[in-house]
C-alpha atoms as a PDB file:
ATOM      1  CA  MET A   1      -0.949 -25.165 -60.592  1.00  0.00           C
ATOM      2  CA  ARG A   2       2.387 -25.693 -59.176  1.00  0.00           C
ATOM      3  CA  ILE A   3       2.876 -26.935 -55.958  1.00  0.00           C
ATOM      4  CA  THR A   4       6.357 -26.931 -54.120  1.00  0.00           C
ATOM      5  CA  VAL A   5       7.477 -27.672 -50.769  1.00  0.00           C
ATOM      6  CA  GLU A   6      10.482 -25.604 -49.696  1.00  0.00           C
ATOM      7  CA  LEU A   7      12.760 -25.838 -46.644  1.00  0.00           C
ATOM      8  CA  THR A   8      12.851 -22.172 -44.879  1.00  0.00           C
ATOM      9  CA  SER A   9      15.715 -20.468 -43.656  1.00  0.00           C
ATOM     10  CA  ILE A  10      15.484 -17.808 -40.960  1.00  0.00           C
ATOM     11  CA  ASP A  11      14.553 -15.108 -43.560  1.00  0.00           C
ATOM     12  CA  LYS A  12      11.340 -16.628 -44.793  1.00  0.00           C
ATOM     13  CA  ALA A  13      10.586 -17.765 -40.929  1.00  0.00           C
ATOM     14  CA  TYR A  14       8.064 -15.038 -40.603  1.00  0.00           C
ATOM     15  CA  ILE A  15       5.580 -16.658 -43.388  1.00  0.00           C
ATOM     16  CA  ILE A  16       5.506 -20.045 -41.544  1.00  0.00           C
ATOM     17  CA  LYS A  17       4.952 -17.798 -37.937  1.00  0.00           C
ATOM     18  CA  ASN A  18       1.965 -15.606 -39.886  1.00  0.00           C
ATOM     19  CA  LEU A  19       0.399 -18.894 -40.752  1.00  0.00           C
ATOM     20  CA  TYR A  20       0.846 -20.773 -37.142  1.00  0.00           C
ATOM     21  CA  PRO A  21      -2.205 -18.928 -35.790  1.00  0.00           C
ATOM     22  CA  LEU A  22      -4.475 -19.889 -38.500  1.00  0.00           C
ATOM     23  CA  PHE A  23      -3.310 -23.583 -37.896  1.00  0.00           C
ATOM     24  CA  LEU A  24      -4.075 -23.287 -33.973  1.00  0.00           C
ATOM     25  CA  TYR A  25      -7.213 -21.700 -34.839  1.00  0.00           C
ATOM     26  CA  ASP A  26      -8.226 -24.708 -37.123  1.00  0.00           C
ATOM     27  CA  LEU A  27      -7.153 -27.268 -34.468  1.00  0.00           C
ATOM     28  CA  SER A  28      -9.374 -25.394 -32.057  1.00  0.00           C
ATOM     29  CA  GLY A  29     -12.323 -27.120 -34.171  1.00  0.00           C
ATOM     30  CA  HIS A  30     -10.982 -30.535 -33.529  1.00  0.00           C
ATOM     31  CA  TYR A  31     -10.190 -30.100 -29.805  1.00  0.00           C
ATOM     32  CA  GLY A  32     -12.254 -27.352 -28.592  1.00  0.00           C
ATOM     33  CA  ASN A  33      -9.758 -25.105 -27.449  1.00  0.00           C
ATOM     34  CA  HIS A  34     -10.217 -21.248 -26.881  1.00  0.00           C
ATOM     35  CA  PRO A  35      -7.925 -18.775 -26.957  1.00  0.00           C
ATOM     36  CA  ASN A  36      -6.216 -17.362 -23.649  1.00  0.00           C
ATOM     37  CA  ARG A  37      -7.423 -14.049 -22.072  1.00  0.00           C
ATOM     38  CA  HIS A  38      -5.656 -11.839 -24.750  1.00  0.00           C
ATOM     39  CA  GLY A  39      -6.887 -13.779 -27.926  1.00  0.00           C
ATOM     40  CA  ILE A  40      -3.968 -16.357 -28.414  1.00  0.00           C
ATOM     41  CA  TYR A  41      -4.267 -19.836 -28.831  1.00  0.00           C
ATOM     42  CA  GLU A  42      -1.691 -20.941 -26.415  1.00  0.00           C
ATOM     43  CA  ASP A  43      -2.694 -22.434 -23.087  1.00  0.00           C
ATOM     44  CA  SER A  44      -0.681 -19.874 -21.118  1.00  0.00           C
ATOM     45  CA  ASP A  45      -1.900 -16.132 -20.453  1.00  0.00           C
ATOM     46  CA  GLU A  46       1.771 -15.312 -20.742  1.00  0.00           C
ATOM     47  CA  PHE A  47       1.269 -14.999 -24.295  1.00  0.00           C
ATOM     48  CA  LYS A  48      -0.315 -11.556 -24.793  1.00  0.00           C
ATOM     49  CA  THR A  49       0.919 -11.003 -28.677  1.00  0.00           C
ATOM     50  CA  LEU A  50       1.269 -13.227 -31.818  1.00  0.00           C
ATOM     51  CA  SER A  51       4.704 -11.902 -31.304  1.00  0.00           C
ATOM     52  CA  ASP A  52       5.160 -13.248 -27.879  1.00  0.00           C
ATOM     53  CA  GLN A  53       4.022 -16.425 -29.789  1.00  0.00           C
ATOM     54  CA  TYR A  54       6.582 -16.226 -32.747  1.00  0.00           C
ATOM     55  CA  ASP A  55       9.419 -16.006 -30.223  1.00  0.00           C
ATOM     56  CA  ILE A  56       9.028 -19.709 -29.254  1.00  0.00           C
ATOM     57  CA  GLN A  57       8.603 -20.859 -32.729  1.00  0.00           C
ATOM     58  CA  ASN A  58      12.184 -19.559 -33.314  1.00  0.00           C
ATOM     59  CA  ILE A  59      13.450 -23.279 -32.426  1.00  0.00           C
ATOM     60  CA  TRP A  60      12.655 -24.608 -35.500  1.00  0.00           C
ATOM     61  CA  TRP A  61      15.171 -22.341 -37.270  1.00  0.00           C
ATOM     62  CA  GLU A  62      17.957 -22.779 -34.605  1.00  0.00           C
ATOM     63  CA  LYS A  63      18.779 -26.320 -35.129  1.00  0.00           C
ATOM     64  CA  PRO A  64      19.291 -26.705 -38.808  1.00  0.00           C
ATOM     65  CA  GLY A  65      19.926 -30.591 -39.433  1.00  0.00           C
ATOM     66  CA  VAL A  66      17.344 -31.331 -36.737  1.00  0.00           C
ATOM     67  CA  LEU A  67      14.304 -29.512 -37.058  1.00  0.00           C
ATOM     68  CA  PHE A  68      13.104 -28.907 -40.700  1.00  0.00           C
ATOM     69  CA  PRO A  69      10.631 -26.138 -41.325  1.00  0.00           C
ATOM     70  CA  PHE A  70       8.830 -26.545 -44.825  1.00  0.00           C
ATOM     71  CA  LEU A  71       6.760 -24.047 -46.694  1.00  0.00           C
ATOM     72  CA  ILE A  72       3.953 -25.490 -48.992  1.00  0.00           C
ATOM     73  CA  TRP A  73       3.558 -23.075 -51.979  1.00  0.00           C
ATOM     74  CA  VAL A  74       0.760 -23.033 -54.590  1.00  0.00           C
ATOM     75  CA  ASP A  75       2.188 -21.410 -57.545  1.00  0.00           C
ATOM     76  CA  GLU A  76       3.341 -18.035 -55.587  1.00  0.00           C
ATOM     77  CA  THR A  77       1.165 -18.367 -52.798  1.00  0.00           C
ATOM     78  CA  PRO A  78       2.413 -19.754 -49.087  1.00  0.00           C
ATOM     79  CA  ALA A  79      -0.604 -22.454 -48.670  1.00  0.00           C
ATOM     80  CA  GLY A  80       0.810 -24.165 -45.572  1.00  0.00           C
ATOM     81  CA  PHE A  81       3.604 -25.876 -43.876  1.00  0.00           C
ATOM     82  CA  ILE A  82       5.149 -28.932 -42.429  1.00  0.00           C
ATOM     83  CA  LEU A  83       7.632 -29.353 -39.671  1.00  0.00           C
ATOM     84  CA  ILE A  84       9.595 -32.396 -39.241  1.00  0.00           C
ATOM     85  CA  ALA A  85      11.708 -33.453 -36.574  1.00  0.00           C
ATOM     86  CA  THR A  86      14.522 -35.923 -35.956  1.00  0.00           C
ATOM     87  CA  PRO A  87      16.030 -36.965 -32.625  1.00  0.00           C
ATOM     88  CA  PRO A  88      16.047 -36.191 -30.123  1.00  0.00           C
ATOM     89  CA  HIS A  89      13.013 -34.524 -31.039  1.00  0.00           C
ATOM     90  CA  CYS A  90      11.121 -37.559 -31.494  1.00  0.00           C
ATOM     91  CA  ASN A  91      10.416 -41.096 -30.077  1.00  0.00           C
ATOM     92  CA  LYS A  92      13.185 -43.614 -29.580  1.00  0.00           C
ATOM     93  CA  GLY A  93      13.687 -45.581 -32.873  1.00  0.00           C
ATOM     94  CA  ILE A  94      12.048 -43.019 -35.284  1.00  0.00           C
ATOM     95  CA  ASP A  95      14.153 -41.140 -37.619  1.00  0.00           C
ATOM     96  CA  TYR A  96      11.485 -38.316 -38.494  1.00  0.00           C
ATOM     97  CA  PHE A  97       8.257 -37.039 -36.702  1.00  0.00           C
ATOM     98  CA  VAL A  98       5.780 -35.157 -38.322  1.00  0.00           C
ATOM     99  CA  ASN A  99       5.534 -32.731 -35.963  1.00  0.00           C
ATOM    100  CA  GLU A 100       2.800 -29.972 -37.221  1.00  0.00           C
ATOM    101  CA  PHE A 101       1.169 -30.227 -40.812  1.00  0.00           C
ATOM    102  CA  PHE A 102      -1.221 -27.596 -42.232  1.00  0.00           C
ATOM    103  CA  LEU A 103      -2.953 -26.420 -45.326  1.00  0.00           C
ATOM    104  CA  LEU A 104      -5.114 -23.413 -45.458  1.00  0.00           C
ATOM    105  CA  GLN A 105      -8.677 -24.543 -46.008  1.00  0.00           C
ATOM    106  CA  SER A 106      -9.078 -22.768 -49.466  1.00  0.00           C
ATOM    107  CA  PHE A 107      -6.210 -25.333 -50.621  1.00  0.00           C
ATOM    108  CA  ARG A 108      -7.854 -28.600 -49.002  1.00  0.00           C
ATOM    109  CA  GLY A 109      -9.339 -31.295 -51.587  1.00  0.00           C
ATOM    110  CA  ARG A 110      -7.222 -30.571 -54.452  1.00  0.00           C
ATOM    111  CA  GLY A 111      -4.357 -33.041 -53.899  1.00  0.00           C
ATOM    112  CA  ILE A 112      -2.168 -30.471 -52.670  1.00  0.00           C
ATOM    113  CA  ALA A 113      -1.543 -31.698 -49.089  1.00  0.00           C
ATOM    114  CA  GLU A 114      -0.909 -35.479 -50.439  1.00  0.00           C
ATOM    115  CA  LYS A 115       1.984 -34.363 -52.783  1.00  0.00           C
ATOM    116  CA  ALA A 116       3.610 -32.183 -50.251  1.00  0.00           C
ATOM    117  CA  ALA A 117       3.537 -34.808 -47.577  1.00  0.00           C
ATOM    118  CA  VAL A 118       4.985 -37.226 -50.053  1.00  0.00           C
ATOM    119  CA  ASP A 119       7.682 -34.541 -51.448  1.00  0.00           C
ATOM    120  CA  VAL A 120       8.566 -34.251 -47.828  1.00  0.00           C
ATOM    121  CA  PHE A 121       8.744 -38.252 -47.021  1.00  0.00           C
ATOM    122  CA  GLU A 122      10.808 -38.634 -50.145  1.00  0.00           C
ATOM    123  CA  GLN A 123      13.698 -36.226 -48.987  1.00  0.00           C
ATOM    124  CA  PHE A 124      14.463 -38.321 -45.910  1.00  0.00           C
ATOM    125  CA  LYS A 125      14.568 -42.107 -45.718  1.00  0.00           C
ATOM    126  CA  GLY A 126      14.147 -44.081 -42.251  1.00  0.00           C
ATOM    127  CA  LYS A 127      11.231 -44.663 -39.891  1.00  0.00           C
ATOM    128  CA  TRP A 128       8.487 -42.347 -39.515  1.00  0.00           C
ATOM    129  CA  GLU A 129       6.087 -41.465 -37.071  1.00  0.00           C
ATOM    130  CA  LEU A 130       3.034 -38.759 -36.931  1.00  0.00           C
ATOM    131  CA  PHE A 131       0.024 -38.522 -34.608  1.00  0.00           C
ATOM    132  CA  THR A 132      -3.307 -37.297 -35.219  1.00  0.00           C
ATOM    133  CA  ASN A 133      -6.162 -36.238 -33.348  1.00  0.00           C
ATOM    134  CA  PRO A 134      -8.586 -39.720 -32.964  1.00  0.00           C
ATOM    135  CA  ASN A 135     -11.702 -38.088 -32.027  1.00  0.00           C
ATOM    136  CA  GLU A 136     -14.944 -37.781 -34.721  1.00  0.00           C
ATOM    137  CA  LYS A 137     -13.985 -34.395 -35.228  1.00  0.00           C
ATOM    138  CA  ASN A 138     -11.307 -35.144 -37.053  1.00  0.00           C
ATOM    139  CA  VAL A 139     -12.337 -37.841 -39.397  1.00  0.00           C
ATOM    140  CA  ILE A 140     -11.182 -35.952 -42.460  1.00  0.00           C
ATOM    141  CA  GLY A 141      -7.855 -35.827 -41.148  1.00  0.00           C
ATOM    142  CA  GLN A 142      -7.517 -39.462 -40.545  1.00  0.00           C
ATOM    143  CA  LYS A 143      -8.527 -40.443 -43.578  1.00  0.00           C
ATOM    144  CA  PHE A 144      -6.257 -38.175 -45.083  1.00  0.00           C
ATOM    145  CA  TRP A 145      -3.116 -39.803 -43.354  1.00  0.00           C
ATOM    146  CA  ARG A 146      -4.684 -43.256 -43.920  1.00  0.00           C
ATOM    147  CA  LYS A 147      -5.003 -42.485 -47.517  1.00  0.00           C
ATOM    148  CA  THR A 148      -1.659 -40.712 -47.905  1.00  0.00           C
ATOM    149  CA  ILE A 149       0.502 -43.133 -45.845  1.00  0.00           C
ATOM    150  CA  SER A 150      -1.196 -46.017 -47.387  1.00  0.00           C
ATOM    151  CA  ASN A 151      -0.737 -44.965 -50.896  1.00  0.00           C
ATOM    152  CA  TYR A 152       2.903 -43.682 -50.125  1.00  0.00           C
ATOM    153  CA  CYS A 153       3.632 -47.036 -48.459  1.00  0.00           C
ATOM    154  CA  LYS A 154       1.394 -49.199 -51.003  1.00  0.00           C
ATOM    155  CA  GLY A 155      -0.186 -50.603 -47.546  1.00  0.00           C
ATOM    156  CA  ASP A 156       3.002 -51.517 -45.433  1.00  0.00           C
ATOM    157  CA  TYR A 157       2.444 -49.174 -42.599  1.00  0.00           C
ATOM    158  CA  VAL A 158       1.387 -49.509 -38.591  1.00  0.00           C
ATOM    159  CA  GLU A 159      -2.067 -47.588 -37.469  1.00  0.00           C
ATOM    160  CA  GLU A 160      -2.895 -47.791 -33.926  1.00  0.00           C
ATOM    161  CA  TYR A 161      -4.542 -45.907 -31.360  1.00  0.00           C
ATOM    162  CA  GLY A 162      -2.320 -45.084 -28.050  1.00  0.00           C
ATOM    163  CA  ASP A 163      -0.825 -42.690 -25.443  1.00  0.00           C
ATOM    164  CA  THR A 164       1.908 -40.303 -26.571  1.00  0.00           C
ATOM    165  CA  PHE A 165       3.747 -37.237 -25.299  1.00  0.00           C
ATOM    166  CA  ASP A 166       0.696 -35.139 -26.653  1.00  0.00           C
ATOM    167  CA  GLY A 167      -2.181 -37.463 -25.322  1.00  0.00           C
ATOM    168  CA  TYR A 168      -4.030 -40.102 -26.249  1.00  0.00           C
ATOM    169  CA  LYS A 169      -3.688 -40.002 -30.507  1.00  0.00           C
ATOM    170  CA  LEU A 170      -4.064 -42.024 -33.601  1.00  0.00           C
ATOM    171  CA  ILE A 171      -0.396 -43.062 -34.635  1.00  0.00           C
ATOM    172  CA  PHE A 172       0.844 -43.956 -37.939  1.00  0.00           C
ATOM    173  CA  ARG A 173       4.362 -45.250 -38.591  1.00  0.00           C
ATOM    174  CA  PHE A 174       5.846 -46.318 -41.733  1.00  0.00           C
ATOM    175  CA  ASP A 175       9.535 -46.989 -42.803  1.00  0.00           C
ATOM    176  CA  ASN A 176      10.499 -45.688 -46.378  1.00  0.00           C
ATOM    177  CA  THR A 177      14.134 -46.773 -46.154  1.00  0.00           C
ATOM    178  CA  GLY A 178      14.057 -49.087 -49.139  1.00  0.00           C
ATOM    179  CA  LYS A 179      11.770 -46.897 -51.246  1.00  0.00           C
END
């Protein structure tokens, strides 16, 4: 099994956009979200089709060097994505923010997600931050990030609960500058 992480250009944006509704559906299990009246997982009813939803994701390919949309591949199959933001799209004092991280369920539990996360961490040196749902329904996600970051940083990281721009979350921070 070959696992690769690829920074995507606009010509492969459609792959992440195809996976994105699956990501939102996956999150609905953690947050109890429901689709809007058109069947789209978005807060607003203005989104009537997946195409409408795709348009708002274009920002990831409009700001090269600031926003980094990565695809996770397993052999020749797209298995997930990682969206990394840099200032001004992250908190003050943070260099890199894991905005979204998704791996299809059929690829989970095989070390793919951890390898993909580490591959991305290794591409960028600095102060990192990520949030995850602190609720009991997301224990697997919490354990994943705790294990992955602890292994990567050899236990040298900060984990705390707090308010964020996205509500109350479990927050992880680490600095891989000297790694």
